[in-house]
Amino acid sequence: RKAVESLVADGLLSRTQGRGTTVSKTLKKSRHMICVAYSTKADPIDYPFLSVILQNIESELSRHGETCILVTVSNGDDLPTALSQSDGVIALTPMDVSTLPVDKPVINFFNPAHLSLEASYVLIDDRVDGLVAARHLITLGHQRLAFMGDTKKYFWARGRYIGCCDALAEANLVQPMLVEPKYDEPVGIELVYELKHNDITAVVAANDYIAMSLISALHKEG
């Protein structure tokens, strides 16, 4: 009931006494229909990072009087009909945009390995991420840092490591100790001992999983 009331308040549904609740006619007045394609397998809808992106996309399109349609993509070779009928596509998951009409504007998010030359894209500047994180730790007084992440396997970890190195270099500090745990395994106690042995006082973690795993290991060690 609350969900329906919210849609009525947003003007997406309308209530008429005797007829009940129907889709609002204002939907037909939208200038464009933009499809946001995502994969429930790669990015569950309840994944906080994805949900924030979706909320902001929907809010911005709504502000301009456009309609936002969510479309799940399971196989790049079998794209939903809604994609080809839309006025534009925002792809949050790898998809073969070459199967769409040539005049279809497409923006890819976060998938440089799957980019089409015809499509625009939005990427995170991983090098700046590492730079900002390391600068923050340096301003707190830390001089001996470690970077924890698999820089050989993941391009985003490599970019963040380079940014971390840049920050230490500009502060005339020694380069960070590089620790490369396996992505799918929690940080072990042996790595905590290694950090202590090298007088590391702060760590730049490549992602949230590594950070939380390290925090858990540190707590176990008191």
C-alpha atoms as a PDB file:
ATOM      1  CA  ARG A   1       0.000   0.000   0.000  1.00  0.00           C
ATOM      2  CA  LYS A   2       2.831   2.394   0.862  1.00  0.00           C
ATOM      3  CA  ALA A   3       4.542   1.585  -2.442  1.00  0.00           C
ATOM      4  CA  VAL A   4       1.369   2.375  -4.397  1.00  0.00           C
ATOM      5  CA  GLU A   5       0.857   5.603  -2.454  1.00  0.00           C
ATOM      6  CA  SER A   6       4.424   6.605  -3.275  1.00  0.00           C
ATOM      7  CA  LEU A   7       3.815   6.006  -6.998  1.00  0.00           C
ATOM      8  CA  VAL A   8       0.621   8.051  -6.838  1.00  0.00           C
ATOM      9  CA  ALA A   9       2.517  10.881  -5.132  1.00  0.00           C
ATOM     10  CA  ASP A  10       5.139  10.749  -7.901  1.00  0.00           C
ATOM     11  CA  GLY A  11       2.417  10.980 -10.530  1.00  0.00           C
ATOM     12  CA  LEU A  12       3.132   7.540 -11.996  1.00  0.00           C
ATOM     13  CA  LEU A  13      -0.223   6.140 -10.867  1.00  0.00           C
ATOM     14  CA  SER A  14      -3.583   7.914 -10.624  1.00  0.00           C
ATOM     15  CA  ARG A  15      -6.642   7.113  -8.515  1.00  0.00           C
ATOM     16  CA  THR A  16     -10.181   7.695  -9.738  1.00  0.00           C
ATOM     17  CA  GLN A  17     -13.195   6.919  -7.585  1.00  0.00           C
ATOM     18  CA  GLY A  18     -15.139   4.053  -9.102  1.00  0.00           C
ATOM     19  CA  ARG A  19     -12.309   3.105 -11.475  1.00  0.00           C
ATOM     20  CA  GLY A  20      -9.549   2.323  -9.001  1.00  0.00           C
ATOM     21  CA  THR A  21      -5.818   2.874  -9.527  1.00  0.00           C
ATOM     22  CA  THR A  22      -4.395   3.055 -13.040  1.00  0.00           C
ATOM     23  CA  VAL A  23      -1.153   4.035 -14.729  1.00  0.00           C
ATOM     24  CA  SER A  24      -1.002   7.801 -14.960  1.00  0.00           C
ATOM     25  CA  LYS A  25      -1.581   9.314 -18.395  1.00  0.00           C
ATOM     26  CA  THR A  26       1.372  11.617 -17.770  1.00  0.00           C
ATOM     27  CA  LEU A  27       3.659   8.699 -18.596  1.00  0.00           C
ATOM     28  CA  LYS A  28       2.609   9.016 -22.230  1.00  0.00           C
ATOM     29  CA  LYS A  29       3.727  12.647 -22.255  1.00  0.00           C
ATOM     30  CA  SER A  30       7.330  11.817 -21.457  1.00  0.00           C
ATOM     31  CA  ARG A  31       9.709  13.033 -24.149  1.00  0.00           C
ATOM     32  CA  HIS A  32      11.980  10.020 -23.958  1.00  0.00           C
ATOM     33  CA  MET A  33      12.131   6.538 -22.487  1.00  0.00           C
ATOM     34  CA  ILE A  34      15.575   5.623 -21.181  1.00  0.00           C
ATOM     35  CA  CYS A  35      16.353   1.985 -20.405  1.00  0.00           C
ATOM     36  CA  VAL A  36      18.728   1.199 -17.559  1.00  0.00           C
ATOM     37  CA  ALA A  37      20.091  -2.297 -18.151  1.00  0.00           C
ATOM     38  CA  TYR A  38      21.585  -4.319 -15.316  1.00  0.00           C
ATOM     39  CA  SER A  39      22.229  -7.954 -14.439  1.00  0.00           C
ATOM     40  CA  THR A  40      20.602  -9.439 -11.344  1.00  0.00           C
ATOM     41  CA  LYS A  41      23.295 -12.118 -11.383  1.00  0.00           C
ATOM     42  CA  ALA A  42      26.306  -9.774 -11.545  1.00  0.00           C
ATOM     43  CA  ASP A  43      24.741  -6.905  -9.569  1.00  0.00           C
ATOM     44  CA  PRO A  44      21.845  -7.848  -7.239  1.00  0.00           C
ATOM     45  CA  ILE A  45      19.237  -5.104  -7.009  1.00  0.00           C
ATOM     46  CA  ASP A  46      19.805  -4.858  -3.237  1.00  0.00           C
ATOM     47  CA  TYR A  47      23.541  -4.187  -3.690  1.00  0.00           C
ATOM     48  CA  PRO A  48      23.876  -0.710  -2.062  1.00  0.00           C
ATOM     49  CA  PHE A  49      26.257   0.673  -4.696  1.00  0.00           C
ATOM     50  CA  LEU A  50      23.888  -0.278  -7.525  1.00  0.00           C
ATOM     51  CA  SER A  51      20.771   0.957  -5.731  1.00  0.00           C
ATOM     52  CA  VAL A  52      22.321   4.408  -5.173  1.00  0.00           C
ATOM     53  CA  ILE A  53      23.222   4.665  -8.880  1.00  0.00           C
ATOM     54  CA  LEU A  54      19.693   3.640  -9.912  1.00  0.00           C
ATOM     55  CA  GLN A  55      18.082   6.132  -7.539  1.00  0.00           C
ATOM     56  CA  ASN A  56      20.170   9.001  -8.887  1.00  0.00           C
ATOM     57  CA  ILE A  57      19.554   8.061 -12.529  1.00  0.00           C
ATOM     58  CA  GLU A  58      15.802   7.854 -11.930  1.00  0.00           C
ATOM     59  CA  SER A  59      15.777  11.137 -10.019  1.00  0.00           C
ATOM     60  CA  GLU A  60      17.662  13.007 -12.752  1.00  0.00           C
ATOM     61  CA  LEU A  61      15.514  11.603 -15.575  1.00  0.00           C
ATOM     62  CA  SER A  62      12.345  12.403 -13.644  1.00  0.00           C
ATOM     63  CA  ARG A  63      13.559  15.967 -13.107  1.00  0.00           C
ATOM     64  CA  HIS A  64      13.735  16.380 -16.885  1.00  0.00           C
ATOM     65  CA  GLY A  65      10.354  14.757 -17.481  1.00  0.00           C
ATOM     66  CA  GLU A  66      11.802  11.538 -18.892  1.00  0.00           C
ATOM     67  CA  THR A  67      10.747   7.962 -18.162  1.00  0.00           C
ATOM     68  CA  CYS A  68      13.198   5.487 -16.641  1.00  0.00           C
ATOM     69  CA  ILE A  69      12.671   1.787 -17.331  1.00  0.00           C
ATOM     70  CA  LEU A  70      14.733  -0.895 -15.564  1.00  0.00           C
ATOM     71  CA  VAL A  71      15.619  -3.868 -17.749  1.00  0.00           C
ATOM     72  CA  THR A  72      17.468  -6.994 -16.642  1.00  0.00           C
ATOM     73  CA  VAL A  73      20.015  -8.432 -19.056  1.00  0.00           C
ATOM     74  CA  SER A  74      21.030 -12.062 -18.667  1.00  0.00           C
ATOM     75  CA  ASN A  75      22.641 -12.720 -22.035  1.00  0.00           C
ATOM     76  CA  GLY A  76      24.263 -10.139 -24.292  1.00  0.00           C
ATOM     77  CA  ASP A  77      23.034 -11.985 -27.389  1.00  0.00           C
ATOM     78  CA  ASP A  78      19.409 -11.978 -26.268  1.00  0.00           C
ATOM     79  CA  LEU A  79      18.567  -8.377 -25.417  1.00  0.00           C
ATOM     80  CA  PRO A  80      15.044  -7.515 -24.211  1.00  0.00           C
ATOM     81  CA  THR A  81      12.738  -5.819 -26.730  1.00  0.00           C
ATOM     82  CA  ALA A  82      12.421  -2.784 -24.438  1.00  0.00           C
ATOM     83  CA  LEU A  83      16.062  -1.911 -25.154  1.00  0.00           C
ATOM     84  CA  SER A  84      15.542  -1.622 -28.898  1.00  0.00           C
ATOM     85  CA  GLN A  85      12.332   0.379 -28.409  1.00  0.00           C
ATOM     86  CA  SER A  86      13.848   2.892 -26.006  1.00  0.00           C
ATOM     87  CA  ASP A  87      15.342   6.276 -26.864  1.00  0.00           C
ATOM     88  CA  GLY A  88      18.626   5.515 -25.130  1.00  0.00           C
ATOM     89  CA  VAL A  89      20.351   2.942 -22.938  1.00  0.00           C
ATOM     90  CA  ILE A  90      22.416   3.217 -19.771  1.00  0.00           C
ATOM     91  CA  ALA A  91      24.233  -0.115 -19.374  1.00  0.00           C
ATOM     92  CA  LEU A  92      25.303  -1.001 -15.843  1.00  0.00           C
ATOM     93  CA  THR A  93      26.370  -4.478 -16.956  1.00  0.00           C
ATOM     94  CA  PRO A  94      28.392  -5.857 -19.905  1.00  0.00           C
ATOM     95  CA  MET A  95      26.204  -6.083 -23.007  1.00  0.00           C
ATOM     96  CA  ASP A  96      26.706  -6.286 -26.755  1.00  0.00           C
ATOM     97  CA  VAL A  97      25.525  -2.857 -27.877  1.00  0.00           C
ATOM     98  CA  SER A  98      26.257  -3.759 -31.506  1.00  0.00           C
ATOM     99  CA  THR A  99      22.919  -5.593 -31.569  1.00  0.00           C
ATOM    100  CA  LEU A 100      21.059  -2.328 -30.936  1.00  0.00           C
ATOM    101  CA  PRO A 101      20.025   0.091 -33.717  1.00  0.00           C
ATOM    102  CA  VAL A 102      23.005   2.177 -34.857  1.00  0.00           C
ATOM    103  CA  ASP A 103      21.311   5.441 -33.861  1.00  0.00           C
ATOM    104  CA  LYS A 104      20.740   4.272 -30.273  1.00  0.00           C
ATOM    105  CA  PRO A 105      22.793   6.333 -27.795  1.00  0.00           C
ATOM    106  CA  VAL A 106      24.413   4.037 -25.226  1.00  0.00           C
ATOM    107  CA  ILE A 107      26.420   4.828 -22.109  1.00  0.00           C
ATOM    108  CA  ASN A 108      28.412   2.036 -20.426  1.00  0.00           C
ATOM    109  CA  PHE A 109      29.217   2.022 -16.721  1.00  0.00           C
ATOM    110  CA  PHE A 110      32.362   0.465 -15.255  1.00  0.00           C
ATOM    111  CA  ASN A 111      33.053  -2.148 -17.943  1.00  0.00           C
ATOM    112  CA  PRO A 112      36.094  -1.069 -19.961  1.00  0.00           C
ATOM    113  CA  ALA A 113      36.745  -4.611 -21.172  1.00  0.00           C
ATOM    114  CA  HIS A 114      33.337  -4.708 -22.845  1.00  0.00           C
ATOM    115  CA  LEU A 115      33.193  -1.209 -24.306  1.00  0.00           C
ATOM    116  CA  SER A 116      32.002  -0.698 -27.842  1.00  0.00           C
ATOM    117  CA  LEU A 117      33.826   1.930 -29.876  1.00  0.00           C
ATOM    118  CA  GLU A 118      30.425   3.436 -30.691  1.00  0.00           C
ATOM    119  CA  ALA A 119      29.395   3.802 -27.043  1.00  0.00           C
ATOM    120  CA  SER A 120      30.237   6.444 -24.480  1.00  0.00           C
ATOM    121  CA  TYR A 121      31.255   5.315 -21.017  1.00  0.00           C
ATOM    122  CA  VAL A 122      31.624   6.382 -17.399  1.00  0.00           C
ATOM    123  CA  LEU A 123      34.496   5.016 -15.323  1.00  0.00           C
ATOM    124  CA  ILE A 124      35.844   5.620 -11.839  1.00  0.00           C
ATOM    125  CA  ASP A 125      39.268   7.287 -11.784  1.00  0.00           C
ATOM    126  CA  ASP A 126      40.982   4.599  -9.708  1.00  0.00           C
ATOM    127  CA  ARG A 127      44.303   6.426  -9.616  1.00  0.00           C
ATOM    128  CA  VAL A 128      42.672   9.477  -8.036  1.00  0.00           C
ATOM    129  CA  ASP A 129      40.917   7.175  -5.547  1.00  0.00           C
ATOM    130  CA  GLY A 130      44.233   5.801  -4.327  1.00  0.00           C
ATOM    131  CA  LEU A 131      45.782   9.264  -4.276  1.00  0.00           C
ATOM    132  CA  VAL A 132      43.003  10.767  -2.150  1.00  0.00           C
ATOM    133  CA  ALA A 133      42.969   7.828   0.280  1.00  0.00           C
ATOM    134  CA  ALA A 134      46.737   7.916   0.828  1.00  0.00           C
ATOM    135  CA  ARG A 135      46.802  11.715   1.166  1.00  0.00           C
ATOM    136  CA  HIS A 136      44.158  11.457   3.876  1.00  0.00           C
ATOM    137  CA  LEU A 137      46.260   8.978   5.862  1.00  0.00           C
ATOM    138  CA  ILE A 138      49.366  11.130   5.426  1.00  0.00           C
ATOM    139  CA  THR A 139      47.538  14.194   6.803  1.00  0.00           C
ATOM    140  CA  LEU A 140      46.663  12.078   9.866  1.00  0.00           C
ATOM    141  CA  GLY A 141      50.376  11.607  10.480  1.00  0.00           C
ATOM    142  CA  HIS A 142      50.991   8.165   8.987  1.00  0.00           C
ATOM    143  CA  GLN A 143      54.293   7.771   7.191  1.00  0.00           C
ATOM    144  CA  ARG A 144      54.586   4.012   6.670  1.00  0.00           C
ATOM    145  CA  LEU A 145      51.675   2.756   4.588  1.00  0.00           C
ATOM    146  CA  ALA A 146      50.718  -0.537   3.011  1.00  0.00           C
ATOM    147  CA  PHE A 147      48.483  -1.121   0.002  1.00  0.00           C
ATOM    148  CA  MET A 148      46.403  -4.268   0.078  1.00  0.00           C
ATOM    149  CA  GLY A 149      44.943  -5.562  -3.199  1.00  0.00           C
ATOM    150  CA  ASP A 150      45.638  -7.806  -6.179  1.00  0.00           C
ATOM    151  CA  THR A 151      47.302  -5.398  -8.616  1.00  0.00           C
ATOM    152  CA  LYS A 152      48.234  -8.160 -11.061  1.00  0.00           C
ATOM    153  CA  LYS A 153      44.713  -9.437 -11.629  1.00  0.00           C
ATOM    154  CA  TYR A 154      42.522  -6.333 -11.271  1.00  0.00           C
ATOM    155  CA  PHE A 155      43.063  -3.109 -13.224  1.00  0.00           C
ATOM    156  CA  TRP A 156      41.162  -1.057 -10.638  1.00  0.00           C
ATOM    157  CA  ALA A 157      43.431  -2.296  -7.830  1.00  0.00           C
ATOM    158  CA  ARG A 158      46.485  -1.467  -9.928  1.00  0.00           C
ATOM    159  CA  GLY A 159      45.206   2.074 -10.559  1.00  0.00           C
ATOM    160  CA  ARG A 160      44.532   2.656  -6.861  1.00  0.00           C
ATOM    161  CA  TYR A 161      47.981   1.337  -5.966  1.00  0.00           C
ATOM    162  CA  ILE A 162      49.626   3.768  -8.427  1.00  0.00           C
ATOM    163  CA  GLY A 163      47.640   6.642  -6.903  1.00  0.00           C
ATOM    164  CA  CYS A 164      48.787   5.597  -3.433  1.00  0.00           C
ATOM    165  CA  CYS A 165      52.404   5.611  -4.668  1.00  0.00           C
ATOM    166  CA  ASP A 166      51.902   9.105  -6.137  1.00  0.00           C
ATOM    167  CA  ALA A 167      50.712  10.483  -2.788  1.00  0.00           C
ATOM    168  CA  LEU A 168      53.676   9.052  -0.903  1.00  0.00           C
ATOM    169  CA  ALA A 169      56.111  10.303  -3.531  1.00  0.00           C
ATOM    170  CA  GLU A 170      54.800  13.865  -3.334  1.00  0.00           C
ATOM    171  CA  ALA A 171      55.194  13.727   0.463  1.00  0.00           C
ATOM    172  CA  ASN A 172      58.771  12.366   0.118  1.00  0.00           C
ATOM    173  CA  LEU A 173      57.827   9.157   1.916  1.00  0.00           C
ATOM    174  CA  VAL A 174      58.870   5.600   1.110  1.00  0.00           C
ATOM    175  CA  GLN A 175      56.648   3.695  -1.295  1.00  0.00           C
ATOM    176  CA  PRO A 176      53.846   1.603   0.228  1.00  0.00           C
ATOM    177  CA  MET A 177      54.375  -1.992   1.166  1.00  0.00           C
ATOM    178  CA  LEU A 178      52.391  -4.029  -1.369  1.00  0.00           C
ATOM    179  CA  VAL A 179      50.325  -6.901   0.009  1.00  0.00           C
ATOM    180  CA  GLU A 180      48.301  -8.924  -2.512  1.00  0.00           C
ATOM    181  CA  PRO A 181      45.745 -11.195  -0.808  1.00  0.00           C
ATOM    182  CA  LYS A 182      43.465 -13.344  -2.928  1.00  0.00           C
ATOM    183  CA  TYR A 183      40.256 -11.474  -3.720  1.00  0.00           C
ATOM    184  CA  ASP A 184      37.884 -14.272  -2.661  1.00  0.00           C
ATOM    185  CA  GLU A 185      39.666 -15.158   0.591  1.00  0.00           C
ATOM    186  CA  PRO A 186      39.507 -13.199   3.876  1.00  0.00           C
ATOM    187  CA  VAL A 187      42.644 -11.466   5.135  1.00  0.00           C
ATOM    188  CA  GLY A 188      44.540 -13.883   7.360  1.00  0.00           C
ATOM    189  CA  ILE A 189      46.287 -13.280  10.668  1.00  0.00           C
ATOM    190  CA  GLU A 190      49.654 -13.871   8.984  1.00  0.00           C
ATOM    191  CA  LEU A 191      49.171 -10.677   6.977  1.00  0.00           C
ATOM    192  CA  VAL A 192      48.459  -8.741  10.183  1.00  0.00           C
ATOM    193  CA  TYR A 193      51.759 -10.026  11.602  1.00  0.00           C
ATOM    194  CA  GLU A 194      53.487  -8.948   8.397  1.00  0.00           C
ATOM    195  CA  LEU A 195      52.108  -5.419   8.748  1.00  0.00           C
ATOM    196  CA  LYS A 196      53.288  -5.225  12.352  1.00  0.00           C
ATOM    197  CA  HIS A 197      56.748  -6.558  11.482  1.00  0.00           C
ATOM    198  CA  ASN A 198      57.191  -3.805   8.883  1.00  0.00           C
ATOM    199  CA  ASP A 199      55.962  -1.041  11.219  1.00  0.00           C
ATOM    200  CA  ILE A 200      52.924  -0.320   9.027  1.00  0.00           C
ATOM    201  CA  THR A 201      50.527   2.087  10.778  1.00  0.00           C
ATOM    202  CA  ALA A 202      47.868   2.480   8.069  1.00  0.00           C
ATOM    203  CA  VAL A 203      46.558   0.537   5.074  1.00  0.00           C
ATOM    204  CA  VAL A 204      44.936   1.605   1.817  1.00  0.00           C
ATOM    205  CA  ALA A 205      42.605  -1.252   0.894  1.00  0.00           C
ATOM    206  CA  ALA A 206      41.738  -1.806  -2.766  1.00  0.00           C
ATOM    207  CA  ASN A 207      38.064  -2.394  -1.978  1.00  0.00           C
ATOM    208  CA  ASP A 208      35.499  -2.743   0.809  1.00  0.00           C
ATOM    209  CA  TYR A 209      35.805  -6.529   1.059  1.00  0.00           C
ATOM    210  CA  ILE A 210      39.533  -6.345   1.775  1.00  0.00           C
ATOM    211  CA  ALA A 211      39.054  -3.433   4.192  1.00  0.00           C
ATOM    212  CA  MET A 212      36.356  -5.183   6.254  1.00  0.00           C
ATOM    213  CA  SER A 213      38.285  -8.461   6.217  1.00  0.00           C
ATOM    214  CA  LEU A 214      41.415  -6.704   7.465  1.00  0.00           C
ATOM    215  CA  ILE A 215      39.462  -4.847  10.184  1.00  0.00           C
ATOM    216  CA  SER A 216      38.039  -8.192  11.351  1.00  0.00           C
ATOM    217  CA  ALA A 217      41.515  -9.743  11.496  1.00  0.00           C
ATOM    218  CA  LEU A 218      42.883  -6.739  13.418  1.00  0.00           C
ATOM    219  CA  HIS A 219      40.045  -6.946  15.943  1.00  0.00           C
ATOM    220  CA  LYS A 220      40.797 -10.625  16.552  1.00  0.00           C
ATOM    221  CA  GLU A 221      44.360  -9.604  17.378  1.00  0.00           C
ATOM    222  CA  GLY A 222      43.145  -6.934  19.764  1.00  0.00           C
END
